C-alpha atoms as a PDB file:
ATOM      1  CA  SER A   1       1.793  -4.694   6.241  1.00  0.00           C
ATOM      2  CA  PHE A   2      -1.482  -7.084   7.195  1.00  0.00           C
ATOM      3  CA  VAL A   3      -2.228 -10.699   6.226  1.00  0.00           C
ATOM      4  CA  GLN A   4      -5.421 -12.849   6.779  1.00  0.00           C
ATOM      5  CA  VAL A   5      -4.641 -15.846   9.307  1.00  0.00           C
ATOM      6  CA  ASP A   6      -8.064 -17.305   9.735  1.00  0.00           C
ATOM      7  CA  SER A   7     -11.729 -16.262   8.549  1.00  0.00           C
ATOM      8  CA  ASP A   8     -11.757 -14.073  11.466  1.00  0.00           C
ATOM      9  CA  THR A   9      -8.050 -13.429  12.801  1.00  0.00           C
ATOM     10  CA  TYR A  10      -5.635 -11.119  11.339  1.00  0.00           C
ATOM     11  CA  ALA A  11      -1.891  -9.945  11.681  1.00  0.00           C
ATOM     12  CA  LEU A  12      -0.490  -6.595  10.552  1.00  0.00           C
ATOM     13  CA  ALA A  13       3.229  -6.088  10.622  1.00  0.00           C
ATOM     14  CA  TYR A  14       4.362  -2.518  12.033  1.00  0.00           C
ATOM     15  CA  ALA A  15       6.742   0.311  12.912  1.00  0.00           C
ATOM     16  CA  SER A  16       6.081   2.168  15.785  1.00  0.00           C
ATOM     17  CA  ALA A  17       6.232   5.723  15.486  1.00  0.00           C
ATOM     18  CA  ALA A  18       9.506   7.737  14.836  1.00  0.00           C
ATOM     19  CA  THR A  19       9.857  10.201  17.588  1.00  0.00           C
ATOM     20  CA  ALA A  20       8.598   7.498  20.147  1.00  0.00           C
ATOM     21  CA  THR A  21      11.061   4.209  19.708  1.00  0.00           C
ATOM     22  CA  ASN A  22      13.177   4.904  16.456  1.00  0.00           C
ATOM     23  CA  GLN A  23      10.772   3.015  14.261  1.00  0.00           C
ATOM     24  CA  GLU A  24      10.981  -0.249  16.359  1.00  0.00           C
ATOM     25  CA  GLY A  25       9.602  -3.646  14.451  1.00  0.00           C
ATOM     26  CA  PHE A  26       6.390  -5.349  16.559  1.00  0.00           C
ATOM     27  CA  ILE A  27       3.170  -7.693  14.951  1.00  0.00           C
ATOM     28  CA  ALA A  28      -0.091  -7.497  16.249  1.00  0.00           C
ATOM     29  CA  THR A  29      -2.998  -9.739  15.448  1.00  0.00           C
ATOM     30  CA  PHE A  30      -6.993  -9.170  15.526  1.00  0.00           C
ATOM     31  CA  THR A  31      -9.827 -10.698  15.699  1.00  0.00           C
ATOM     32  CA  ILE A  32     -12.477  -9.012  13.014  1.00  0.00           C
ATOM     33  CA  SER A  33     -15.926  -9.938  13.218  1.00  0.00           C
ATOM     34  CA  SER A  34     -17.498 -10.762  10.114  1.00  0.00           C
ATOM     35  CA  ASP A  35     -19.748  -7.555  10.075  1.00  0.00           C
ATOM     36  CA  GLY A  36     -16.707  -5.260  10.584  1.00  0.00           C
ATOM     37  CA  THR A  37     -18.187  -3.582  13.279  1.00  0.00           C
ATOM     38  CA  THR A  38     -15.496  -5.244  16.510  1.00  0.00           C
ATOM     39  CA  ILE A  39     -11.832  -5.308  16.308  1.00  0.00           C
ATOM     40  CA  THR A  40      -9.788  -6.508  19.101  1.00  0.00           C
ATOM     41  CA  GLU A  41      -6.550  -6.531  19.679  1.00  0.00           C
ATOM     42  CA  VAL A  42      -4.984 -10.263  20.485  1.00  0.00           C
ATOM     43  CA  ALA A  43      -1.553 -10.145  20.764  1.00  0.00           C
ATOM     44  CA  SER A  44       1.292  -7.943  19.967  1.00  0.00           C
ATOM     45  CA  LEU A  45       5.371  -8.851  19.815  1.00  0.00           C
ATOM     46  CA  HIS A  46       7.715  -6.765  19.995  1.00  0.00           C
ATOM     47  CA  HIS A  47      10.778  -8.553  17.293  1.00  0.00           C
ATOM     48  CA  ASP A  48      13.125  -6.115  17.014  1.00  0.00           C
ATOM     49  CA  THR A  49      14.269  -3.455  19.146  1.00  0.00           C
ATOM     50  CA  ASP A  50      16.667  -1.288  16.848  1.00  0.00           C
ATOM     51  CA  HIS A  51      14.038  -0.502  13.744  1.00  0.00           C
ATOM     52  CA  GLY A  52      11.993  -2.492  11.873  1.00  0.00           C
ATOM     53  CA  SER A  53       9.956  -0.452   8.818  1.00  0.00           C
ATOM     54  CA  HIS A  54       9.061  -1.386   5.293  1.00  0.00           C
ATOM     55  CA  ASN A  55       7.326  -4.219   6.541  1.00  0.00           C
ATOM     56  CA  SER A  56       5.790  -7.217   4.303  1.00  0.00           C
ATOM     57  CA  LEU A  57       4.690  -9.643   6.138  1.00  0.00           C
ATOM     58  CA  VAL A  58       3.879 -13.596   3.988  1.00  0.00           C
ATOM     59  CA  GLN A  59       2.070 -16.625   4.306  1.00  0.00           C
ATOM     60  CA  VAL A  60       4.668 -19.298   4.269  1.00  0.00           C
ATOM     61  CA  ASP A  61       2.689 -22.391   5.046  1.00  0.00           C
ATOM     62  CA  SER A  62      -1.303 -22.752   7.956  1.00  0.00           C
ATOM     63  CA  ASP A  63       1.390 -21.266  10.924  1.00  0.00           C
ATOM     64  CA  THR A  64       3.950 -20.141   9.966  1.00  0.00           C
ATOM     65  CA  TYR A  65       5.049 -16.321   8.645  1.00  0.00           C
ATOM     66  CA  ALA A  66       8.039 -14.234   6.644  1.00  0.00           C
ATOM     67  CA  LEU A  67       8.302 -11.201   7.732  1.00  0.00           C
ATOM     68  CA  ALA A  68      10.763  -9.182   5.383  1.00  0.00           C
ATOM     69  CA  TYR A  69      11.582  -5.808   6.619  1.00  0.00           C
ATOM     70  CA  ALA A  70      13.999  -2.959   7.139  1.00  0.00           C
ATOM     71  CA  GLY A  71      16.003  -3.996  10.377  1.00  0.00           C
ATOM     72  CA  GLU A  72      19.017  -2.414  12.159  1.00  0.00           C
ATOM     73  CA  ASN A  73      20.743   0.875   9.882  1.00  0.00           C
ATOM     74  CA  THR A  74      18.158   0.423   7.872  1.00  0.00           C
ATOM     75  CA  ASP A  75      20.228  -3.304   6.241  1.00  0.00           C
ATOM     76  CA  GLY A  76      17.514  -5.863   4.821  1.00  0.00           C
ATOM     77  CA  TYR A  77      16.050  -8.735   6.681  1.00  0.00           C
ATOM     78  CA  ILE A  78      13.515 -12.052   6.762  1.00  0.00           C
ATOM     79  CA  SER A  79      12.053 -13.011  10.424  1.00  0.00           C
ATOM     80  CA  THR A  80      10.094 -16.565  10.917  1.00  0.00           C
ATOM     81  CA  PHE A  81       7.389 -16.607  13.077  1.00  0.00           C
ATOM     82  CA  THR A  82       4.222 -18.105  14.337  1.00  0.00           C
ATOM     83  CA  ILE A  83       0.756 -17.150  14.285  1.00  0.00           C
ATOM     84  CA  ASP A  84      -1.812 -19.752  15.146  1.00  0.00           C
ATOM     85  CA  SER A  85      -5.507 -19.528  14.089  1.00  0.00           C
ATOM     86  CA  ASP A  86      -6.007 -17.953  18.461  1.00  0.00           C
ATOM     87  CA  GLY A  87      -3.438 -15.007  17.605  1.00  0.00           C
ATOM     88  CA  ASP A  88      -0.894 -15.803  19.610  1.00  0.00           C
ATOM     89  CA  ILE A  89       2.915 -14.853  17.647  1.00  0.00           C
ATOM     90  CA  THR A  90       5.795 -17.145  18.948  1.00  0.00           C
ATOM     91  CA  PRO A  91       9.603 -15.798  16.733  1.00  0.00           C
ATOM     92  CA  ILE A  92      11.496 -18.272  15.522  1.00  0.00           C
ATOM     93  CA  ARG A  93      14.565 -18.254  17.044  1.00  0.00           C
ATOM     94  CA  ILE A  94      17.023 -19.727  14.532  1.00  0.00           C
ATOM     95  CA  GLN A  95      19.779 -17.489  14.433  1.00  0.00           C
ATOM     96  CA  ASN A  96      19.051 -14.350  17.293  1.00  0.00           C
ATOM     97  CA  HIS A  97      20.518 -10.993  15.861  1.00  0.00           C
ATOM     98  CA  ALA A  98      19.488  -9.132  18.646  1.00  0.00           C
ATOM     99  CA  ALA A  99      19.406 -10.344  22.675  1.00  0.00           C
ATOM    100  CA  PHE A 100      16.560  -9.899  22.871  1.00  0.00           C
ATOM    101  CA  GLU A 101      13.374 -11.776  24.133  1.00  0.00           C
ATOM    102  CA  SER A 102      11.077 -11.671  21.191  1.00  0.00           C
ATOM    103  CA  ALA A 103      14.074 -11.090  18.270  1.00  0.00           C
ATOM    104  CA  SER A 104      13.511 -13.441  15.394  1.00  0.00           C
ATOM    105  CA  ALA A 105      15.949 -11.762  13.172  1.00  0.00           C
ATOM    106  CA  ASN A 106      17.354 -15.352  10.563  1.00  0.00           C
ATOM    107  CA  LEU A 107      18.618 -13.670   7.919  1.00  0.00           C
ATOM    108  CA  GLU A 108      20.472 -10.678   6.824  1.00  0.00           C
ATOM    109  CA  HIS A 109      20.002 -10.793   3.199  1.00  0.00           C
ATOM    110  CA  ASP A 110      21.215  -6.981   2.256  1.00  0.00           C
ATOM    111  CA  THR A 111      23.648  -5.859   4.058  1.00  0.00           C
ATOM    112  CA  THR A 112      23.380  -1.995   2.914  1.00  0.00           C
ATOM    113  CA  VAL A 113      19.841  -0.713   2.787  1.00  0.00           C
ATOM    114  CA  ALA A 114      16.209  -2.515   1.986  1.00  0.00           C
ATOM    115  CA  GLU A 115      13.323  -0.091   1.646  1.00  0.00           C
ATOM    116  CA  TRP A 116       9.335  -0.568   0.193  1.00  0.00           C
ATOM    117  CA  SER A 117       9.622  -4.226   0.432  1.00  0.00           C
ATOM    118  CA  SER A 118       7.498  -6.987  -1.152  1.00  0.00           C
ATOM    119  CA  PHE A 119       7.434  -9.866  -0.485  1.00  0.00           C
ATOM    120  CA  ILE A 120       5.366 -12.832  -2.283  1.00  0.00           C
ATOM    121  CA  HIS A 121       5.265 -16.704  -2.463  1.00  0.00           C
ATOM    122  CA  VAL A 122       6.004 -18.099  -5.431  1.00  0.00           C
ATOM    123  CA  ASP A 123       5.624 -21.818  -5.247  1.00  0.00           C
ATOM    124  CA  SER A 124       6.422 -24.638  -2.766  1.00  0.00           C
ATOM    125  CA  ASP A 125       8.863 -23.491  -0.817  1.00  0.00           C
ATOM    126  CA  ILE A 126      10.150 -20.663  -3.439  1.00  0.00           C
ATOM    127  CA  PHE A 127       9.838 -16.386  -1.700  1.00  0.00           C
ATOM    128  CA  ALA A 128      10.557 -13.756  -3.784  1.00  0.00           C
ATOM    129  CA  LEU A 129      11.539 -10.314  -3.006  1.00  0.00           C
ATOM    130  CA  ALA A 130      11.397  -7.245  -4.412  1.00  0.00           C
ATOM    131  CA  TYR A 131      12.738  -4.058  -2.973  1.00  0.00           C
ATOM    132  CA  THR A 132      14.932  -0.745  -2.392  1.00  0.00           C
ATOM    133  CA  GLY A 133      18.390  -1.400  -2.172  1.00  0.00           C
ATOM    134  CA  THR A 134      21.717   0.309  -2.591  1.00  0.00           C
ATOM    135  CA  GLY A 135      21.523   4.045  -4.150  1.00  0.00           C
ATOM    136  CA  GLY A 136      17.965   3.789  -4.449  1.00  0.00           C
ATOM    137  CA  ASP A 137      18.441   1.345  -7.127  1.00  0.00           C
ATOM    138  CA  GLY A 138      15.681  -1.899  -7.307  1.00  0.00           C
ATOM    139  CA  PHE A 139      16.348  -5.458  -6.589  1.00  0.00           C
ATOM    140  CA  ILE A 140      14.996  -8.682  -6.779  1.00  0.00           C
ATOM    141  CA  SER A 141      15.438 -11.580  -4.470  1.00  0.00           C
ATOM    142  CA  THR A 142      14.840 -14.975  -4.159  1.00  0.00           C
ATOM    143  CA  PHE A 143      14.519 -17.446  -0.863  1.00  0.00           C
ATOM    144  CA  THR A 144      13.278 -20.918   0.559  1.00  0.00           C
ATOM    145  CA  ILE A 145      11.399 -21.318   3.588  1.00  0.00           C
ATOM    146  CA  ASP A 146      10.925 -24.534   4.569  1.00  0.00           C
ATOM    147  CA  SER A 147       7.442 -25.121   6.826  1.00  0.00           C
ATOM    148  CA  ASP A 148       9.811 -25.265  10.244  1.00  0.00           C
ATOM    149  CA  GLY A 149      10.427 -21.257   9.155  1.00  0.00           C
ATOM    150  CA  VAL A 150      14.307 -21.699   8.395  1.00  0.00           C
ATOM    151  CA  ILE A 151      15.641 -19.185   5.719  1.00  0.00           C
ATOM    152  CA  THR A 152      18.373 -20.144   3.023  1.00  0.00           C
ATOM    153  CA  ALA A 153      19.249 -17.245   0.319  1.00  0.00           C
ATOM    154  CA  VAL A 154      19.539 -18.030  -3.152  1.00  0.00           C
ATOM    155  CA  LYS A 155      19.804 -15.037  -4.864  1.00  0.00           C
ATOM    156  CA  THR A 156      20.737 -12.340  -2.447  1.00  0.00           C
ATOM    157  CA  HIS A 157      22.533  -8.679  -2.141  1.00  0.00           C
ATOM    158  CA  ALA A 158      24.823 -10.160   0.687  1.00  0.00           C
ATOM    159  CA  ALA A 159      25.626 -13.079  -1.410  1.00  0.00           C
ATOM    160  CA  GLY A 160      25.710 -11.109  -4.508  1.00  0.00           C
ATOM    161  CA  ASN A 161      24.076 -12.585  -7.252  1.00  0.00           C
ATOM    162  CA  ASN A 162      20.213 -10.755  -7.044  1.00  0.00           C
ATOM    163  CA  VAL A 163      19.034  -8.804  -9.690  1.00  0.00           C
ATOM    164  CA  GLU A 164      19.317  -5.037 -10.467  1.00  0.00           C
ATOM    165  CA  HIS A 165      16.709  -4.680 -12.185  1.00  0.00           C
ATOM    166  CA  THR A 166      16.551  -0.679 -12.776  1.00  0.00           C
ATOM    167  CA  LEU A 167      18.366   2.373 -11.367  1.00  0.00           C
ATOM    168  CA  ASP A 168      17.761   5.182  -9.292  1.00  0.00           C
ATOM    169  CA  ASN A 169      14.943   6.373  -6.750  1.00  0.00           C
ATOM    170  CA  VAL A 170      12.719   3.293  -7.390  1.00  0.00           C
ATOM    171  CA  ARG A 171       9.855   3.064  -4.378  1.00  0.00           C
ATOM    172  CA  HIS A 172       6.773   1.880  -3.638  1.00  0.00           C
ATOM    173  CA  ASN A 173       7.322  -2.029  -5.145  1.00  0.00           C
ATOM    174  CA  ALA A 174       4.415  -4.250  -5.484  1.00  0.00           C
ATOM    175  CA  LEU A 175       5.478  -7.892  -6.718  1.00  0.00           C
ATOM    176  CA  VAL A 176       2.220 -10.331  -7.775  1.00  0.00           C
ATOM    177  CA  LYS A 177       2.710 -13.912  -9.128  1.00  0.00           C
ATOM    178  CA  VAL A 178       0.690 -13.972 -12.757  1.00  0.00           C
ATOM    179  CA  ASP A 179       1.735 -17.803 -12.802  1.00  0.00           C
ATOM    180  CA  SER A 180       3.647 -20.370 -12.009  1.00  0.00           C
ATOM    181  CA  GLU A 181       7.073 -19.103 -12.782  1.00  0.00           C
ATOM    182  CA  THR A 182       5.918 -15.120 -14.145  1.00  0.00           C
ATOM    183  CA  LEU A 183       5.516 -12.413 -11.872  1.00  0.00           C
ATOM    184  CA  ALA A 184       5.018  -8.640 -12.253  1.00  0.00           C
ATOM    185  CA  LEU A 185       6.012  -5.702 -10.402  1.00  0.00           C
ATOM    186  CA  ALA A 186       4.738  -2.168 -10.481  1.00  0.00           C
ATOM    187  CA  TYR A 187       7.054   0.371  -8.715  1.00  0.00           C
ATOM    188  CA  ASN A 188       7.013   4.296  -8.841  1.00  0.00           C
ATOM    189  CA  GLN A 189      10.406   5.501 -10.221  1.00  0.00           C
ATOM    190  CA  MET A 190      11.066   9.056  -8.782  1.00  0.00           C
ATOM    191  CA  GLY A 191      12.684  11.487 -11.231  1.00  0.00           C
ATOM    192  CA  THR A 192      14.124  14.307 -10.543  1.00  0.00           C
ATOM    193  CA  GLY A 193      12.542  16.858  -8.734  1.00  0.00           C
ATOM    194  CA  GLY A 194      10.639  14.922  -6.740  1.00  0.00           C
ATOM    195  CA  THR A 195       7.987  13.659  -9.710  1.00  0.00           C
ATOM    196  CA  GLY A 196       8.200  10.195 -10.603  1.00  0.00           C
END
């Protein structure tokens, strides 16, 4: 997941190679020249030592970012960070899920599985997350995130009150905002034999 921080600074959330470190979670920042010829890594943060795949990074305010991802045991996590205009990354530690210097897993929203995340800012402090959960089914959960990076579950699988929008083999979720209260979700639903 790739987002713009300012005019020439970008942040990338990614997982390391499966063979090297079991797809651990990283965020890196880069500056990119206006002509696109120079890309320079500014900072890197190893934010999850267990797992960090299926990333979706979204801006909360001027320097606060929230990351939805599949963490330990592919459970669903949302973590918050500050990323300043110089590209420096700082985890917001509200609840540490691991004894790790840069850990910032602030909310475990699904204790079973959460893959193929698509996370968006809806309005004010409201955020929506489409993802693939238990049994490959499609879910949508909502949260509030304030400017201090504090995440509050509104409708989540862990609370048992989120929306299961479709059954069976959902992949590649893409959630977009249509207007102030309307969202559209595109996804691939795999059929039998791997077609979708």
